[in-house]
Each structure stands twice: as structure tokens, then as C-alpha cells.
Amino acid sequence: MLPRSSPTHEKGEEAVSAEDNKALVRRFVDEVQSAGNIDLIDEICSPEFVNHSAPPGIPADCEGIKILTAMFRGAFPDSYFTVEDMVAEGDKVATRKTFHGTHEGEFMGIPPSGRSVSMGLIDIVRISEGRVAEHWSMGDSLGLMQQLGVVPQPG
């Protein structure tokens, strides 16, 4: 169920509260990213969605989010995300979260290592009409590669 809209404002558009936007992002993190419910992406993701942080070779649309989710779930089947902070203002929601998982499947050509990993991420999403319309992300990819043993630790 998508968050309900709050009363309309001057332009005749329905305003959605910051709390509703946060609830939508929380649902995406909990149900899609952590639980792997790829089918929910079509409900949460706007048809005009653009992932400004899509990796090379991955479409920047809703289908790309499905591919990324399946890729991470295949490589880290026990993975989950912990939301450390969530802030909303206007139509944007920012989260600081941590990815956790055990590397049990191939990941970006890296064979399974059995290692437990964690990676910090900061995401910003823009919500439009009760759906995620845009996404920007920064994560500690170097730290993840070090934990997987493919990049040497410093020192």
C-alpha cells in the first residue's frame, strides 16, 4: 500500500507529507532491498524513474533496479540493510544505511568467498506522485572490494 496523500495545496496538486515519503523509502529498503521482493518495484518505482547512480551496463530505469536487486540477492542471499538515519524535506528523502551480507554467490565476476561484509551507503531519492522518481547513491565500494579480498587493505 502506498502512502496516502495529504490535502491539496495551491496548484491543485496533492501534497504528500515528509512522513509519507519516508514511509515509502522505508518500505523500499525493508521489502525490496532487504527482503528481495522484486515484484514490489513496479508498485514503488515511477514509470519515469531514473537511477543517476546505475553502474555501467545496468539500465537506469525500474528494470535496472530489478537487475541490481537480483544481483545483490544472488551474491549475498542473507543480505539486509540497516537504516542509520533518514531525513526528508520537500520531495526528497536521504538515508544513511549499512548493507550487510555473506558473499555466497558470484558478484561482479568475483567468486563466492564466504566472507561477511558490510558497506556504508548514502542514498537520496525524489518522490513524485507517491512513487520513487529519481535516485542518487554513494557507497563505500572500495571498502567492499577490500572485504571481499580483491583489493588489498592499506598498509
Protein backbone atom coordinates (compact mmCIF):
# COMPACT_ATOMS: atom_id res chain seq x y z
CA MET A 1 0.00 0.00 0.00
CA LEU A 2 1.39 3.39 -0.99
CA PRO A 3 1.33 6.31 1.46
CA ARG A 4 -1.87 8.33 1.38
CA SER A 5 -1.81 11.90 0.14
CA SER A 6 -2.42 14.84 2.41
CA PRO A 7 -4.64 17.80 1.49
CA THR A 8 -4.12 19.64 -1.77
CA HIS A 9 -2.10 22.82 -1.94
CA GLU A 10 -2.37 25.93 -4.09
CA LYS A 11 -1.52 24.46 -7.53
CA GLY A 12 -4.21 21.80 -7.22
CA GLU A 13 -1.60 19.07 -6.76
CA GLU A 14 -1.85 16.73 -3.84
CA ALA A 15 0.87 17.31 -1.29
CA VAL A 16 2.49 14.30 0.30
CA SER A 17 3.99 14.71 3.73
CA ALA A 18 7.63 14.11 4.54
CA GLU A 19 6.49 11.27 6.80
CA ASP A 20 4.63 9.62 3.89
CA ASN A 21 7.74 9.94 1.70
CA LYS A 22 9.90 8.42 4.46
CA ALA A 23 7.43 5.55 4.84
CA LEU A 24 7.70 4.82 1.10
CA VAL A 25 11.51 4.79 1.22
CA ARG A 26 11.46 2.65 4.38
CA ARG A 27 9.17 0.20 2.58
CA PHE A 28 11.58 0.05 -0.37
CA VAL A 29 14.55 -0.60 1.93
CA ASP A 30 12.77 -3.20 4.05
CA GLU A 31 10.69 -5.05 1.48
CA VAL A 32 12.72 -4.72 -1.73
CA GLN A 33 16.35 -4.32 -0.72
CA SER A 34 16.33 -6.38 2.48
CA ALA A 35 13.62 -8.95 1.71
CA GLY A 36 14.24 -9.19 -2.05
CA ASN A 37 10.62 -8.58 -3.14
CA ILE A 38 11.43 -7.63 -6.73
CA ASP A 39 7.74 -7.64 -7.73
CA LEU A 40 7.14 -4.65 -5.43
CA ILE A 41 9.47 -2.50 -7.56
CA ASP A 42 6.72 -1.97 -10.17
CA GLU A 43 4.44 -0.53 -7.47
CA ILE A 44 7.03 1.70 -5.81
CA CYS A 45 9.03 2.82 -8.85
CA SER A 46 7.64 5.55 -11.12
CA PRO A 47 7.48 4.70 -14.85
CA GLU A 48 9.68 7.80 -15.37
CA PHE A 49 12.25 6.59 -12.79
CA VAL A 50 15.91 7.48 -13.37
CA ASN A 51 18.76 5.94 -11.36
CA HIS A 52 21.54 8.52 -11.63
CA SER A 53 23.92 6.05 -9.94
CA ALA A 54 23.32 3.00 -12.13
CA PRO A 55 26.54 1.02 -12.66
CA PRO A 56 27.87 0.69 -16.22
CA GLY A 57 25.84 -1.82 -18.21
CA ILE A 58 22.79 -1.62 -15.92
CA PRO A 59 19.76 0.29 -17.26
CA ALA A 60 18.96 3.47 -15.29
CA ASP A 61 15.24 2.58 -15.11
CA CYS A 62 12.99 0.35 -12.98
CA GLU A 63 14.24 -2.76 -14.81
CA GLY A 64 17.77 -1.83 -13.77
CA ILE A 65 16.69 -1.74 -10.13
CA LYS A 66 15.29 -5.25 -10.58
CA ILE A 67 18.60 -6.41 -12.07
CA LEU A 68 20.64 -4.83 -9.26
CA THR A 69 18.37 -6.26 -6.57
CA ALA A 70 18.57 -9.75 -8.08
CA MET A 71 22.35 -9.46 -8.48
CA PHE A 72 22.90 -8.48 -4.84
CA ARG A 73 20.41 -11.09 -3.55
CA GLY A 74 22.13 -13.79 -5.63
CA ALA A 75 25.59 -12.87 -4.38
CA PHE A 76 24.55 -12.10 -0.78
CA PRO A 77 21.37 -14.17 -0.15
CA ASP A 78 21.23 -13.25 3.56
CA SER A 79 21.71 -9.54 2.88
CA TYR A 80 19.82 -6.81 4.65
CA PHE A 81 20.07 -3.05 5.14
CA THR A 82 20.09 -1.14 8.39
CA VAL A 83 18.84 2.45 8.14
CA GLU A 84 21.05 4.56 10.38
CA ASP A 85 19.50 7.93 9.52
CA MET A 86 16.61 9.12 7.36
CA VAL A 87 15.85 12.76 6.61
CA ALA A 88 13.09 14.13 4.39
CA GLU A 89 12.49 17.60 3.03
CA GLY A 90 10.15 18.54 0.22
CA ASP A 91 10.04 15.73 -2.31
CA LYS A 92 13.41 14.20 -1.34
CA VAL A 93 14.39 11.58 1.23
CA ALA A 94 18.00 10.89 2.22
CA THR A 95 19.11 7.75 4.00
CA ARG A 96 22.40 6.75 5.53
CA LYS A 97 22.35 3.00 5.71
CA THR A 98 24.54 -0.06 6.01
CA PHE A 99 24.42 -3.09 3.74
CA HIS A 100 25.23 -6.41 5.45
CA GLY A 101 25.63 -9.83 3.83
CA THR A 102 27.61 -13.01 3.36
CA HIS A 103 29.26 -13.46 -0.04
CA GLU A 104 27.80 -16.82 -1.11
CA GLY A 105 27.34 -16.28 -4.86
CA GLU A 106 29.29 -14.69 -7.71
CA PHE A 107 29.37 -10.91 -7.51
CA MET A 108 30.59 -8.84 -10.46
CA GLY A 109 32.80 -11.73 -11.58
CA ILE A 110 34.14 -12.34 -8.06
CA PRO A 111 33.67 -15.97 -6.99
CA PRO A 112 31.97 -16.62 -3.63
CA SER A 113 34.32 -16.06 -0.71
CA GLY A 114 32.04 -16.91 2.22
CA ARG A 115 33.08 -13.61 3.83
CA SER A 116 30.68 -11.46 5.81
CA VAL A 117 30.75 -7.88 4.58
CA SER A 118 29.19 -4.53 5.32
CA MET A 119 29.14 -1.33 3.29
CA GLY A 120 28.01 2.18 4.15
CA LEU A 121 25.73 3.94 1.68
CA ILE A 122 24.06 7.30 1.37
CA ASP A 123 21.02 7.45 -0.90
CA ILE A 124 18.84 10.35 -1.96
CA VAL A 125 15.54 9.66 -3.68
CA ARG A 126 12.99 12.03 -5.14
CA ILE A 127 9.34 11.12 -4.74
CA SER A 128 6.70 12.12 -7.28
CA GLU A 129 3.03 11.20 -7.07
CA GLY A 130 3.71 8.67 -4.32
CA ARG A 131 6.45 6.81 -6.20
CA VAL A 132 10.23 6.89 -6.37
CA ALA A 133 11.12 9.02 -9.41
CA GLU A 134 14.90 9.59 -9.10
CA HIS A 135 17.78 8.04 -7.17
CA TRP A 136 21.34 9.09 -6.35
CA SER A 137 23.72 6.94 -4.30
CA MET A 138 27.23 6.91 -2.91
CA GLY A 139 28.67 3.82 -1.29
CA ASP A 140 31.98 2.54 0.00
CA SER A 141 32.69 0.27 -2.97
CA LEU A 142 36.44 0.25 -2.24
CA GLY A 143 35.80 -0.96 1.31
CA LEU A 144 33.51 -3.69 -0.04
CA MET A 145 36.17 -4.87 -2.51
CA GLN A 146 38.74 -4.91 0.31
CA GLN A 147 36.43 -7.00 2.49
CA LEU A 148 35.91 -9.42 -0.41
CA GLY A 149 39.70 -9.77 -0.70
CA VAL A 150 40.02 -8.47 -4.28
CA VAL A 151 41.69 -5.18 -3.32
CA PRO A 152 44.49 -5.16 -0.74
CA GLN A 153 43.93 -3.47 2.61
CA PRO A 154 46.07 -0.33 3.12
CA GLY A 155 49.34 -0.72 4.99
